[in-house]
């Protein structure tokens, strides 16, 4: 198997860095097994969001949602959001549609993903 990386973009890296150390370790520990699952399956077990040909997947880790995409070197993590944050609440308002469908249609969600992409390239970080 080729080397595999989990790449945190500046936004997701910053979100992870603001968390207490124990929570960081718990979240990073949950990535075990994710690389093989994400690269060898069709990702049916993950939430899926699509817009303009870009596909993001959602991975739940306790009270957090990790939004990532496949990359030639592994996975690029775009956001790590608590389900209890105001941003997350706004994305998951009480519309009668599944959360991924609602996020997929929300331009503010995609702006938050694209803003980090425009400002800099992801810095490789192995988990």
N, C-alpha and C. Protein backbone atom coordinates (compact mmCIF):
# COMPACT_ATOMS: atom_id res chain seq x y z
N UNK A 1 0.84 -1.19 0.00
CA UNK A 1 0.00 0.00 0.00
C UNK A 1 0.89 1.25 0.00
N UNK A 2 0.50 2.25 -0.75
CA UNK A 2 1.25 3.49 -0.84
C UNK A 2 1.16 4.27 0.47
N UNK A 3 2.15 5.14 0.75
CA UNK A 3 2.07 5.98 1.95
C UNK A 3 0.78 6.79 1.92
N UNK A 4 0.24 7.01 3.08
CA UNK A 4 -1.04 7.69 3.19
C UNK A 4 -0.92 8.83 4.20
N UNK A 5 -1.50 9.97 3.86
CA UNK A 5 -1.45 11.12 4.76
C UNK A 5 -2.85 11.62 5.04
N UNK A 6 -3.02 12.13 6.23
CA UNK A 6 -4.21 12.92 6.54
C UNK A 6 -3.70 14.35 6.60
N UNK A 7 -4.18 15.17 5.68
CA UNK A 7 -3.70 16.54 5.53
C UNK A 7 -4.74 17.48 6.12
N UNK A 8 -4.33 18.28 7.07
CA UNK A 8 -5.20 19.28 7.67
C UNK A 8 -4.93 20.61 7.00
N UNK A 9 -5.97 21.24 6.44
CA UNK A 9 -5.76 22.56 5.86
C UNK A 9 -5.63 23.55 7.02
N UNK A 10 -5.26 24.80 6.75
CA UNK A 10 -5.06 25.76 7.84
C UNK A 10 -6.29 25.93 8.75
N UNK A 11 -7.48 25.89 8.18
CA UNK A 11 -8.69 26.07 8.98
C UNK A 11 -8.89 24.90 9.93
N UNK A 12 -8.83 23.69 9.41
CA UNK A 12 -9.05 22.52 10.28
C UNK A 12 -7.91 22.37 11.29
N UNK A 13 -6.70 22.70 10.89
CA UNK A 13 -5.57 22.64 11.81
C UNK A 13 -5.77 23.62 12.96
N UNK A 14 -6.25 24.81 12.64
CA UNK A 14 -6.52 25.82 13.67
C UNK A 14 -7.66 25.38 14.59
N UNK A 15 -8.70 24.79 14.00
CA UNK A 15 -9.83 24.31 14.81
C UNK A 15 -9.36 23.23 15.79
N UNK A 16 -8.51 22.33 15.31
CA UNK A 16 -7.99 21.27 16.16
C UNK A 16 -7.08 21.85 17.25
N UNK A 17 -6.25 22.81 16.90
CA UNK A 17 -5.32 23.41 17.85
C UNK A 17 -6.02 24.15 18.99
N UNK A 18 -7.22 24.67 18.74
CA UNK A 18 -7.96 25.39 19.79
C UNK A 18 -8.63 24.46 20.80
N UNK A 19 -8.64 23.18 20.51
CA UNK A 19 -9.29 22.22 21.40
C UNK A 19 -8.34 21.83 22.53
N UNK A 20 -8.90 21.41 23.67
CA UNK A 20 -8.03 20.89 24.74
C UNK A 20 -7.23 19.70 24.24
N UNK A 21 -6.02 19.54 24.75
CA UNK A 21 -5.09 18.49 24.29
C UNK A 21 -5.73 17.10 24.34
N UNK A 22 -6.45 16.78 25.40
CA UNK A 22 -7.09 15.47 25.52
C UNK A 22 -8.08 15.23 24.38
N UNK A 23 -8.86 16.27 24.05
CA UNK A 23 -9.83 16.15 22.97
C UNK A 23 -9.12 16.00 21.63
N UNK A 24 -8.02 16.73 21.43
CA UNK A 24 -7.24 16.58 20.20
C UNK A 24 -6.78 15.14 20.03
N UNK A 25 -6.25 14.56 21.09
CA UNK A 25 -5.77 13.18 21.03
C UNK A 25 -6.90 12.20 20.77
N UNK A 26 -8.05 12.46 21.38
CA UNK A 26 -9.22 11.60 21.15
C UNK A 26 -9.65 11.65 19.68
N UNK A 27 -9.73 12.86 19.14
CA UNK A 27 -10.15 13.02 17.74
C UNK A 27 -9.13 12.38 16.81
N UNK A 28 -7.85 12.65 17.02
CA UNK A 28 -6.82 12.06 16.17
C UNK A 28 -6.81 10.54 16.28
N UNK A 29 -7.08 10.03 17.47
CA UNK A 29 -7.15 8.59 17.66
C UNK A 29 -8.28 7.95 16.87
N UNK A 30 -9.35 8.68 16.66
CA UNK A 30 -10.48 8.16 15.90
C UNK A 30 -10.19 8.05 14.41
N UNK A 31 -9.12 8.68 13.96
CA UNK A 31 -8.75 8.60 12.55
C UNK A 31 -8.15 7.23 12.21
N UNK A 32 -7.80 6.44 13.24
CA UNK A 32 -7.26 5.10 12.97
C UNK A 32 -8.29 4.31 12.17
N UNK A 33 -7.87 3.71 11.12
CA UNK A 33 -8.78 2.94 10.29
C UNK A 33 -9.48 3.76 9.22
N UNK A 34 -9.61 5.06 9.44
CA UNK A 34 -10.27 5.90 8.45
C UNK A 34 -9.55 5.90 7.11
N UNK A 35 -8.23 6.00 7.09
CA UNK A 35 -7.55 6.04 5.79
C UNK A 35 -7.87 4.83 4.91
N UNK A 36 -7.78 3.63 5.48
CA UNK A 36 -8.05 2.45 4.68
C UNK A 36 -9.51 2.43 4.24
N UNK A 37 -10.42 2.75 5.14
CA UNK A 37 -11.85 2.75 4.80
C UNK A 37 -12.14 3.79 3.72
N UNK A 38 -11.54 4.95 3.85
CA UNK A 38 -11.83 6.05 2.91
C UNK A 38 -11.23 5.81 1.53
N UNK A 39 -10.14 5.10 1.45
CA UNK A 39 -9.48 4.92 0.17
C UNK A 39 -9.88 3.61 -0.53
N UNK A 40 -10.43 2.66 0.20
CA UNK A 40 -10.73 1.37 -0.41
C UNK A 40 -12.21 1.10 -0.58
N UNK A 41 -13.07 1.99 -0.11
CA UNK A 41 -14.51 1.77 -0.25
C UNK A 41 -15.14 2.93 -0.99
N UNK A 42 -16.43 2.83 -1.23
CA UNK A 42 -17.14 3.91 -1.90
C UNK A 42 -17.68 4.93 -0.91
N UNK A 43 -17.30 4.85 0.33
CA UNK A 43 -17.63 5.82 1.37
C UNK A 43 -19.13 5.93 1.68
N UNK A 44 -19.86 4.86 1.48
CA UNK A 44 -21.29 4.89 1.77
C UNK A 44 -21.60 5.15 3.24
N UNK A 45 -20.71 4.79 4.13
CA UNK A 45 -20.99 4.96 5.56
C UNK A 45 -20.77 6.40 6.05
N UNK A 46 -20.25 7.25 5.18
CA UNK A 46 -20.02 8.64 5.54
C UNK A 46 -21.10 9.51 4.92
N UNK A 47 -21.38 10.67 5.55
CA UNK A 47 -22.27 11.63 4.92
C UNK A 47 -21.58 12.17 3.68
N UNK A 48 -22.36 12.57 2.68
CA UNK A 48 -21.78 13.03 1.42
C UNK A 48 -22.42 14.34 1.01
N UNK A 49 -21.60 15.32 0.66
CA UNK A 49 -22.06 16.62 0.20
C UNK A 49 -21.41 16.91 -1.14
N UNK A 50 -22.21 17.38 -2.10
CA UNK A 50 -21.69 17.68 -3.44
C UNK A 50 -22.11 19.07 -3.88
N UNK A 51 -21.18 19.72 -4.59
CA UNK A 51 -21.49 21.02 -5.19
C UNK A 51 -20.47 21.31 -6.27
N UNK A 52 -20.94 21.64 -7.45
CA UNK A 52 -20.08 22.00 -8.58
C UNK A 52 -18.96 20.99 -8.80
N UNK A 53 -19.27 19.72 -8.69
CA UNK A 53 -18.28 18.68 -8.92
C UNK A 53 -17.38 18.37 -7.75
N UNK A 54 -17.44 19.15 -6.69
CA UNK A 54 -16.62 18.91 -5.50
C UNK A 54 -17.41 18.02 -4.55
N UNK A 55 -16.77 17.00 -4.03
CA UNK A 55 -17.42 16.08 -3.11
C UNK A 55 -16.70 16.11 -1.77
N UNK A 56 -17.47 16.38 -0.72
CA UNK A 56 -16.96 16.31 0.65
C UNK A 56 -17.68 15.18 1.36
N UNK A 57 -16.98 14.61 2.33
CA UNK A 57 -17.57 13.57 3.16
C UNK A 57 -17.56 14.05 4.61
N UNK A 58 -18.51 13.53 5.37
CA UNK A 58 -18.63 13.89 6.79
C UNK A 58 -18.40 12.64 7.61
N UNK A 59 -17.51 12.76 8.58
CA UNK A 59 -17.17 11.68 9.49
C UNK A 59 -17.51 12.15 10.89
N UNK A 60 -18.32 11.41 11.61
CA UNK A 60 -18.70 11.79 12.97
C UNK A 60 -17.73 11.20 13.96
N UNK A 61 -17.27 12.04 14.86
CA UNK A 61 -16.42 11.61 15.96
C UNK A 61 -17.06 12.20 17.22
N UNK A 62 -17.87 11.43 17.89
CA UNK A 62 -18.56 11.92 19.08
C UNK A 62 -19.41 13.13 18.75
N UNK A 63 -19.13 14.24 19.40
CA UNK A 63 -19.89 15.47 19.19
C UNK A 63 -19.30 16.34 18.08
N UNK A 64 -18.36 15.80 17.32
CA UNK A 64 -17.71 16.58 16.27
C UNK A 64 -17.99 15.99 14.90
N UNK A 65 -17.95 16.87 13.90
CA UNK A 65 -18.12 16.49 12.52
C UNK A 65 -16.86 16.89 11.78
N UNK A 66 -16.26 15.94 11.09
CA UNK A 66 -15.05 16.19 10.32
C UNK A 66 -15.43 16.14 8.85
N UNK A 67 -15.20 17.24 8.14
CA UNK A 67 -15.53 17.33 6.72
C UNK A 67 -14.22 17.18 5.93
N UNK A 68 -14.17 16.18 5.04
CA UNK A 68 -12.94 15.88 4.32
C UNK A 68 -13.24 15.49 2.88
N UNK A 69 -12.18 15.44 2.08
CA UNK A 69 -12.28 14.95 0.72
C UNK A 69 -11.10 14.04 0.43
N UNK A 70 -11.26 13.19 -0.56
CA UNK A 70 -10.16 12.33 -0.99
C UNK A 70 -9.14 13.18 -1.74
N UNK A 71 -7.90 12.77 -1.63
CA UNK A 71 -6.79 13.44 -2.29
C UNK A 71 -5.84 12.35 -2.76
N UNK A 72 -5.00 12.63 -3.75
CA UNK A 72 -4.06 11.63 -4.25
C UNK A 72 -3.17 11.06 -3.15
N UNK A 73 -2.82 11.88 -2.16
CA UNK A 73 -1.95 11.43 -1.08
C UNK A 73 -2.70 10.87 0.12
N UNK A 74 -4.02 11.01 0.15
CA UNK A 74 -4.79 10.54 1.29
C UNK A 74 -6.10 11.30 1.42
N UNK A 75 -6.25 11.97 2.55
CA UNK A 75 -7.44 12.76 2.83
C UNK A 75 -7.07 14.18 3.19
N UNK A 76 -7.86 15.15 2.74
CA UNK A 76 -7.70 16.54 3.15
C UNK A 76 -8.86 16.87 4.07
N UNK A 77 -8.54 17.24 5.31
CA UNK A 77 -9.56 17.63 6.29
C UNK A 77 -9.78 19.12 6.14
N UNK A 78 -11.04 19.50 5.86
CA UNK A 78 -11.38 20.90 5.65
C UNK A 78 -11.90 21.58 6.91
N UNK A 79 -12.73 20.90 7.67
CA UNK A 79 -13.32 21.51 8.87
C UNK A 79 -13.49 20.44 9.94
N UNK A 80 -13.37 20.85 11.20
CA UNK A 80 -13.70 20.03 12.35
C UNK A 80 -14.63 20.89 13.19
N UNK A 81 -15.90 20.54 13.20
CA UNK A 81 -16.89 21.39 13.85
C UNK A 81 -17.65 20.63 14.93
N UNK A 82 -17.81 21.26 16.06
CA UNK A 82 -18.64 20.69 17.11
C UNK A 82 -20.09 20.77 16.68
N UNK A 83 -20.85 19.73 16.95
CA UNK A 83 -22.26 19.77 16.59
C UNK A 83 -22.99 20.80 17.44
N UNK A 84 -22.36 21.28 18.50
CA UNK A 84 -23.00 22.24 19.39
C UNK A 84 -22.63 23.69 19.11
N UNK A 85 -21.79 23.94 18.12
CA UNK A 85 -21.42 25.32 17.84
C UNK A 85 -22.56 26.05 17.13
N UNK A 86 -22.54 27.33 17.22
CA UNK A 86 -23.56 28.14 16.53
C UNK A 86 -23.51 27.89 15.03
N UNK A 87 -22.30 27.84 14.46
CA UNK A 87 -22.17 27.60 13.02
C UNK A 87 -22.83 26.28 12.64
N UNK A 88 -22.52 25.25 13.41
CA UNK A 88 -23.08 23.94 13.13
C UNK A 88 -24.60 23.96 13.28
N UNK A 89 -25.08 24.66 14.30
CA UNK A 89 -26.53 24.77 14.50
C UNK A 89 -27.18 25.46 13.31
N UNK A 90 -26.58 26.53 12.84
CA UNK A 90 -27.15 27.24 11.69
C UNK A 90 -27.17 26.36 10.45
N UNK A 91 -26.13 25.57 10.27
CA UNK A 91 -26.09 24.67 9.12
C UNK A 91 -27.17 23.59 9.22
N UNK A 92 -27.50 23.23 10.45
CA UNK A 92 -28.46 22.16 10.66
C UNK A 92 -29.77 22.71 11.21
N UNK A 93 -30.25 23.79 10.65
CA UNK A 93 -31.52 24.36 11.13
C UNK A 93 -32.63 23.33 11.00
N UNK A 94 -33.76 23.65 11.45
CA UNK A 94 -34.84 22.66 11.55
C UNK A 94 -35.58 22.41 10.24
N UNK A 95 -34.92 22.54 9.12
CA UNK A 95 -35.56 22.21 7.85
C UNK A 95 -35.80 20.70 7.78
N UNK A 96 -36.90 20.29 7.17
CA UNK A 96 -37.22 18.86 7.13
C UNK A 96 -36.46 18.10 6.04
N UNK A 97 -35.14 18.26 6.01
CA UNK A 97 -34.30 17.52 5.05
C UNK A 97 -33.11 16.96 5.82
N UNK A 98 -32.50 15.92 5.30
CA UNK A 98 -31.31 15.38 5.97
C UNK A 98 -30.22 16.44 6.09
N UNK A 99 -29.41 16.33 7.14
CA UNK A 99 -28.38 17.36 7.39
C UNK A 99 -27.42 17.53 6.24
N UNK A 100 -27.02 16.45 5.58
CA UNK A 100 -26.07 16.58 4.48
C UNK A 100 -26.70 17.31 3.30
N UNK A 101 -27.97 17.06 3.03
CA UNK A 101 -28.66 17.76 1.95
C UNK A 101 -28.73 19.25 2.24
N UNK A 102 -29.00 19.58 3.49
CA UNK A 102 -29.11 20.99 3.86
C UNK A 102 -27.75 21.68 3.75
N UNK A 103 -26.70 21.03 4.23
CA UNK A 103 -25.36 21.61 4.12
C UNK A 103 -24.96 21.78 2.66
N UNK A 104 -25.28 20.79 1.88
CA UNK A 104 -24.93 20.80 0.46
C UNK A 104 -25.52 22.01 -0.24
N UNK A 105 -26.69 22.46 0.18
CA UNK A 105 -27.36 23.59 -0.44
C UNK A 105 -27.02 24.93 0.21
N UNK A 106 -26.28 24.91 1.30
CA UNK A 106 -25.99 26.13 2.03
C UNK A 106 -24.70 26.77 1.51
N UNK A 107 -24.80 27.93 0.84
CA UNK A 107 -23.59 28.56 0.28
C UNK A 107 -22.58 28.97 1.35
N UNK A 108 -23.03 29.26 2.56
CA UNK A 108 -22.09 29.66 3.62
C UNK A 108 -21.18 28.51 4.01
N UNK A 109 -21.70 27.30 3.97
CA UNK A 109 -20.86 26.14 4.26
C UNK A 109 -19.74 26.04 3.23
N UNK A 110 -20.08 26.14 1.96
CA UNK A 110 -19.08 26.03 0.90
C UNK A 110 -18.11 27.20 0.93
N UNK A 111 -18.58 28.38 1.32
CA UNK A 111 -17.67 29.53 1.47
C UNK A 111 -16.63 29.23 2.54
N UNK A 112 -17.05 28.60 3.64
CA UNK A 112 -16.11 28.29 4.71
C UNK A 112 -15.08 27.26 4.26
N UNK A 113 -15.48 26.35 3.39
CA UNK A 113 -14.55 25.35 2.85
C UNK A 113 -13.60 26.01 1.87
N UNK A 114 -14.13 26.81 0.95
CA UNK A 114 -13.33 27.42 -0.10
C UNK A 114 -12.42 28.54 0.40
N UNK A 115 -12.79 29.22 1.48
CA UNK A 115 -11.96 30.32 1.97
C UNK A 115 -10.60 29.81 2.41
N UNK A 116 -10.54 28.67 3.04
CA UNK A 116 -9.25 28.12 3.45
C UNK A 116 -8.45 27.65 2.25
N UNK A 117 -9.12 27.15 1.24
CA UNK A 117 -8.44 26.67 0.04
C UNK A 117 -7.79 27.83 -0.71
N UNK A 118 -8.47 28.97 -0.75
CA UNK A 118 -7.94 30.14 -1.47
C UNK A 118 -6.76 30.76 -0.75
N UNK A 119 -6.75 30.73 0.59
CA UNK A 119 -5.71 31.44 1.33
C UNK A 119 -4.37 30.74 1.35
N UNK A 120 -4.39 29.41 1.33
CA UNK A 120 -3.11 28.70 1.30
C UNK A 120 -3.33 27.25 0.96
N UNK A 121 -2.23 26.58 0.63
CA UNK A 121 -2.29 25.17 0.31
C UNK A 121 -2.23 24.38 1.61
N UNK A 122 -2.82 23.16 1.63
CA UNK A 122 -2.79 22.35 2.83
C UNK A 122 -1.36 21.97 3.22
N UNK A 123 -1.09 21.99 4.50
CA UNK A 123 0.20 21.57 5.00
C UNK A 123 0.12 20.11 5.38
N UNK A 124 0.98 19.25 4.83
CA UNK A 124 0.91 17.82 5.16
C UNK A 124 1.16 17.61 6.65
N UNK A 125 0.37 16.73 7.20
CA UNK A 125 0.51 16.39 8.62
C UNK A 125 0.08 14.95 8.76
N UNK A 126 0.94 14.12 9.23
CA UNK A 126 0.57 12.71 9.33
C UNK A 126 -0.08 12.45 10.67
N UNK A 127 -1.12 11.60 10.62
CA UNK A 127 -1.80 11.23 11.86
C UNK A 127 -1.35 9.88 12.30
